[in-house]
Amino acid sequence: MRRDYHSWFSPALGRQMELLVFGHAGAPALVFPTSMGRFYEFEDRGMIAALAWQIEQGWLQLFCVDSLDGETFYNYHWAVSARLFRHDQYEHYLRTELIPLIRNMNAMPYLMATGCSFGAFHALNFALRHPGLINRVVALSGHYDIRSFFGDYYGDEVYFHNPLDYVPGINDHAALEALRRTDIIMATGRDDPHAWSNYQLSGALWNKGVGNALRIWDGWCHDWPYWQRMINQYIGGPD
């Protein structure tokens, strides 16, 4: 299996960013790590091994990015506005540096996003906030209400980063049409404490005419062995 390491100084973030790419061809997928995880987490946790056959066949190419969670959602020393502004800079890095790199390495006009736990939030939130950039989302055991990160504070910054808040307010026709062309797959365990947010977000999307596949697994299912099975089942389709 082809494995490439990339590192560069990001103008958008003013710091060094690292990346691992697995595979030589196929549908490109942007992979987000779990809370404060690193770009090598998918490899260390057996997710690359779980997809080895698809990657080696040239069906998938995974771009495993670094997180900035320690400077954003988990940076409790900063004001909320500063933390979410830093997250906006992270999304700018993804849009203006990372995605152009993907397009340069892979000519396929298609892009997936995936992640587990907080990585699922990042994958789906990025797709929803930038309609049309992502063609398919595979979000595993995500939590889609981020208000608890900010205590009693609630303002526009939180609203526009919290899917359960901003999705019901999306009224732009072009944005909705782009989202309706996006394959959205959410999978979680029935006993996952955040399963409720999956139900709620799925319903909010359907209320906007945005189809999505909500897949509920028996049990808790919030761990790597479950995610290895989930990713294999859903990376190629919603069923």
Protein backbone atom coordinates (compact mmCIF):
# COMPACT_ATOMS: atom_id res chain seq x y z
CA MET A 1 0.00 0.00 0.00
CA ARG A 2 1.28 3.44 -0.90
CA ARG A 3 1.80 5.67 2.15
CA ASP A 4 2.91 9.29 1.79
CA TYR A 5 3.74 11.80 4.52
CA HIS A 6 3.32 15.53 3.90
CA SER A 7 4.18 18.51 6.06
CA TRP A 8 4.14 22.23 5.32
CA PHE A 9 3.84 25.58 7.00
CA SER A 10 0.20 26.60 6.65
CA PRO A 11 -0.36 30.26 5.73
CA ALA A 12 -3.96 29.97 6.93
CA LEU A 13 -2.94 28.74 10.39
CA GLY A 14 0.53 30.19 10.85
CA ARG A 15 1.91 26.84 11.94
CA GLN A 16 3.21 23.54 10.62
CA MET A 17 0.56 20.99 9.60
CA GLU A 18 1.04 17.30 8.89
CA LEU A 19 -0.82 14.80 6.75
CA LEU A 20 -0.76 11.11 5.82
CA VAL A 21 -2.06 9.85 2.48
CA PHE A 22 -2.90 6.19 1.95
CA GLY A 23 -3.44 4.75 -1.50
CA HIS A 24 -2.58 5.60 -5.09
CA ALA A 25 -6.00 6.16 -6.72
CA GLY A 26 -9.75 5.93 -6.25
CA ALA A 27 -12.32 8.07 -4.47
CA PRO A 28 -10.50 10.56 -2.21
CA ALA A 29 -11.65 10.79 1.39
CA LEU A 30 -10.81 13.49 3.93
CA VAL A 31 -10.33 11.77 7.30
CA PHE A 32 -10.72 13.66 10.59
CA PRO A 33 -9.33 12.24 13.86
CA THR A 34 -11.22 11.94 17.15
CA SER A 35 -11.02 14.61 19.88
CA MET A 36 -7.56 16.22 19.81
CA GLY A 37 -6.36 13.26 17.74
CA ARG A 38 -3.48 13.31 15.31
CA PHE A 39 -3.10 12.63 11.61
CA TYR A 40 -1.72 9.13 12.29
CA GLU A 41 -4.65 7.99 14.44
CA PHE A 42 -6.56 6.17 11.67
CA GLU A 43 -3.45 4.10 10.98
CA ASP A 44 -2.64 3.44 14.64
CA ARG A 45 -6.22 2.38 15.45
CA GLY A 46 -6.53 -0.19 12.67
CA MET A 47 -8.84 1.76 10.37
CA ILE A 48 -6.36 1.74 7.49
CA ALA A 49 -5.90 -2.00 7.93
CA ALA A 50 -9.68 -2.42 7.91
CA LEU A 51 -9.82 -0.71 4.51
CA ALA A 52 -6.57 -2.16 3.16
CA TRP A 53 -8.19 -4.20 0.39
CA GLN A 54 -10.18 -1.25 -0.99
CA ILE A 55 -7.12 1.02 -0.79
CA GLU A 56 -4.81 -1.48 -2.46
CA GLN A 57 -7.34 -2.08 -5.25
CA GLY A 58 -7.25 1.63 -6.06
CA TRP A 59 -10.85 2.23 -4.96
CA LEU A 60 -10.05 4.58 -2.07
CA GLN A 61 -7.42 7.17 -1.28
CA LEU A 62 -7.44 8.48 2.30
CA PHE A 63 -6.12 11.90 3.33
CA CYS A 64 -5.71 11.83 7.11
CA VAL A 65 -5.51 15.36 8.49
CA ASP A 66 -4.32 16.72 11.82
CA SER A 67 -6.80 18.28 14.22
CA LEU A 68 -6.69 21.72 15.77
CA ASP A 69 -9.05 20.85 18.64
CA GLY A 70 -6.57 21.87 21.32
CA GLU A 71 -6.64 25.42 19.95
CA THR A 72 -10.38 25.56 19.33
CA PHE A 73 -13.11 23.53 21.03
CA TYR A 74 -10.90 22.29 23.88
CA ASN A 75 -9.02 25.55 24.39
CA TYR A 76 -10.84 26.68 27.52
CA HIS A 77 -8.28 29.43 28.19
CA TRP A 78 -9.48 31.50 25.24
CA ALA A 79 -12.69 33.44 24.74
CA VAL A 80 -15.37 31.61 22.78
CA SER A 81 -15.13 34.05 19.87
CA ALA A 82 -11.36 33.49 19.59
CA ARG A 83 -11.73 29.72 19.75
CA LEU A 84 -14.33 29.61 16.99
CA PHE A 85 -12.42 32.14 14.89
CA ARG A 86 -9.47 29.76 15.11
CA HIS A 87 -11.75 26.95 13.95
CA ASP A 88 -12.79 29.12 11.00
CA GLN A 89 -9.10 29.43 10.16
CA TYR A 90 -8.85 25.63 10.31
CA GLU A 91 -11.70 25.29 7.82
CA HIS A 92 -9.97 27.90 5.64
CA TYR A 93 -6.84 25.71 5.72
CA LEU A 94 -8.93 22.72 4.62
CA ARG A 95 -10.56 24.65 1.78
CA THR A 96 -7.58 26.60 0.46
CA GLU A 97 -4.64 24.29 1.16
CA LEU A 98 -5.75 20.73 1.83
CA ILE A 99 -8.46 20.31 -0.82
CA PRO A 100 -6.25 21.84 -3.57
CA LEU A 101 -3.56 19.32 -2.58
CA ILE A 102 -6.10 16.51 -2.90
CA ARG A 103 -7.17 17.79 -6.33
CA ASN A 104 -3.53 17.97 -7.41
CA MET A 105 -2.90 14.35 -6.35
CA ASN A 106 -6.23 12.89 -7.44
CA ALA A 107 -8.13 14.04 -10.53
CA MET A 108 -11.39 12.35 -9.53
CA PRO A 109 -14.08 15.08 -9.24
CA TYR A 110 -15.46 13.59 -6.03
CA LEU A 111 -14.63 13.99 -2.36
CA MET A 112 -15.74 12.16 0.76
CA ALA A 113 -15.32 13.14 4.40
CA THR A 114 -15.33 10.75 7.32
CA GLY A 115 -14.46 10.52 10.98
CA CYS A 116 -15.34 8.83 14.25
CA SER A 117 -16.73 10.46 17.39
CA PHE A 118 -15.59 14.12 17.31
CA GLY A 119 -14.11 13.41 13.89
CA ALA A 120 -17.64 12.57 12.73
CA PHE A 121 -18.76 16.00 13.93
CA HIS A 122 -15.93 17.64 11.99
CA ALA A 123 -16.68 15.68 8.81
CA LEU A 124 -20.40 16.39 8.80
CA ASN A 125 -20.13 19.96 10.09
CA PHE A 126 -17.60 20.81 7.37
CA ALA A 127 -19.87 19.37 4.68
CA LEU A 128 -22.93 21.21 6.00
CA ARG A 129 -21.15 24.55 6.39
CA HIS A 130 -19.65 24.39 2.90
CA PRO A 131 -22.36 22.89 0.68
CA GLY A 132 -21.07 21.31 -2.50
CA LEU A 133 -17.48 20.72 -1.38
CA ILE A 134 -18.15 17.20 -0.05
CA ASN A 135 -20.04 14.59 -2.06
CA ARG A 136 -20.42 11.95 0.64
CA VAL A 137 -20.12 12.01 4.42
CA VAL A 138 -19.64 8.90 6.53
CA ALA A 139 -20.03 10.07 10.13
CA LEU A 140 -19.56 7.39 12.79
CA SER A 141 -20.77 7.86 16.39
CA GLY A 142 -20.87 11.62 16.13
CA HIS A 143 -22.24 14.23 18.52
CA TYR A 144 -23.79 17.23 16.81
CA ASP A 145 -24.54 19.63 19.67
CA ILE A 146 -21.36 21.47 20.67
CA ARG A 147 -22.91 23.96 23.12
CA SER A 148 -21.44 22.12 26.13
CA PHE A 149 -17.94 23.25 25.07
CA PHE A 150 -18.85 26.87 25.79
CA GLY A 151 -20.57 26.73 29.16
CA ASP A 152 -23.30 29.30 29.63
CA TYR A 153 -22.17 31.39 26.67
CA TYR A 154 -24.36 31.37 23.58
CA GLY A 155 -24.06 33.75 20.64
CA ASP A 156 -23.97 33.84 16.86
CA GLU A 157 -20.53 32.22 16.83
CA VAL A 158 -21.89 29.13 18.57
CA TYR A 159 -25.11 29.10 16.53
CA PHE A 160 -23.28 29.03 13.19
CA HIS A 161 -20.97 26.20 14.29
CA ASN A 162 -23.66 24.03 15.89
CA PRO A 163 -25.49 21.83 13.34
CA LEU A 164 -28.55 21.30 15.53
CA ASP A 165 -29.02 25.08 15.56
CA TYR A 166 -28.08 26.27 12.09
CA VAL A 167 -29.49 23.44 9.94
CA PRO A 168 -33.13 24.37 10.69
CA GLY A 169 -32.25 27.94 9.68
CA ILE A 170 -30.76 27.12 6.26
CA ASN A 171 -33.01 28.79 3.69
CA ASP A 172 -30.59 29.55 0.87
CA HIS A 173 -31.85 27.69 -2.20
CA ALA A 174 -28.41 27.02 -3.69
CA ALA A 175 -27.05 25.71 -0.40
CA LEU A 176 -30.02 23.40 0.09
CA GLU A 177 -29.79 22.08 -3.47
CA ALA A 178 -26.08 21.34 -2.97
CA LEU A 179 -26.80 19.53 0.29
CA ARG A 180 -29.57 17.51 -1.37
CA ARG A 181 -26.93 16.19 -3.78
CA THR A 182 -24.71 15.10 -0.88
CA ASP A 183 -24.82 11.51 0.39
CA ILE A 184 -25.03 11.81 4.18
CA ILE A 185 -24.59 8.68 6.27
CA MET A 186 -24.72 8.78 10.06
CA ALA A 187 -24.13 5.58 12.02
CA THR A 188 -24.16 5.25 15.79
CA GLY A 189 -24.99 2.83 18.58
CA ARG A 190 -28.48 2.77 20.04
CA ASP A 191 -26.95 3.09 23.53
CA ASP A 192 -24.44 5.79 22.62
CA PRO A 193 -25.14 8.73 24.97
CA HIS A 194 -25.08 11.06 21.96
CA ALA A 195 -27.39 8.99 19.75
CA TRP A 196 -30.17 11.51 20.36
CA SER A 197 -28.25 14.18 18.45
CA ASN A 198 -28.05 11.85 15.43
CA TYR A 199 -31.82 11.40 15.46
CA GLN A 200 -32.36 15.14 15.86
CA LEU A 201 -29.95 16.17 13.12
CA SER A 202 -31.28 13.53 10.74
CA GLY A 203 -34.80 14.86 11.28
CA ALA A 204 -33.71 18.49 10.84
CA LEU A 205 -32.08 17.60 7.51
CA TRP A 206 -35.16 15.71 6.30
CA ASN A 207 -37.29 18.72 7.25
CA LYS A 208 -35.18 20.72 4.80
CA GLY A 209 -35.57 18.10 2.08
CA VAL A 210 -31.99 16.88 2.59
CA GLY A 211 -32.02 13.10 2.47
CA ASN A 212 -29.73 11.17 4.76
CA ALA A 213 -29.18 7.61 5.93
CA LEU A 214 -29.36 7.16 9.71
CA ARG A 215 -28.06 3.75 10.73
CA ILE A 216 -28.58 2.67 14.35
CA TRP A 217 -26.52 -0.26 15.59
CA ASP A 218 -27.42 -2.38 18.60
CA GLY A 219 -25.45 -1.54 21.73
CA TRP A 220 -22.98 1.21 22.58
CA CYS A 221 -20.68 0.83 19.53
CA HIS A 222 -18.46 3.80 20.44
CA ASP A 223 -15.05 2.21 19.92
CA TRP A 224 -12.58 1.32 17.21
CA PRO A 225 -13.62 -2.31 16.56
CA TYR A 226 -17.16 -1.10 15.82
CA TRP A 227 -15.91 1.76 13.65
CA GLN A 228 -13.75 -0.64 11.65
CA ARG A 229 -16.89 -2.60 10.79
CA MET A 230 -18.95 0.53 10.15
CA ILE A 231 -16.43 2.14 7.82
CA ASN A 232 -16.23 -1.02 5.75
CA GLN A 233 -20.01 -1.17 5.48
CA TYR A 234 -20.71 2.47 4.64
CA ILE A 235 -17.68 3.93 2.85
CA GLY A 236 -18.95 2.62 -0.47
CA GLY A 237 -22.67 3.21 -0.02
CA PRO A 238 -25.51 3.93 2.40
CA ASP A 239 -26.75 0.33 2.81
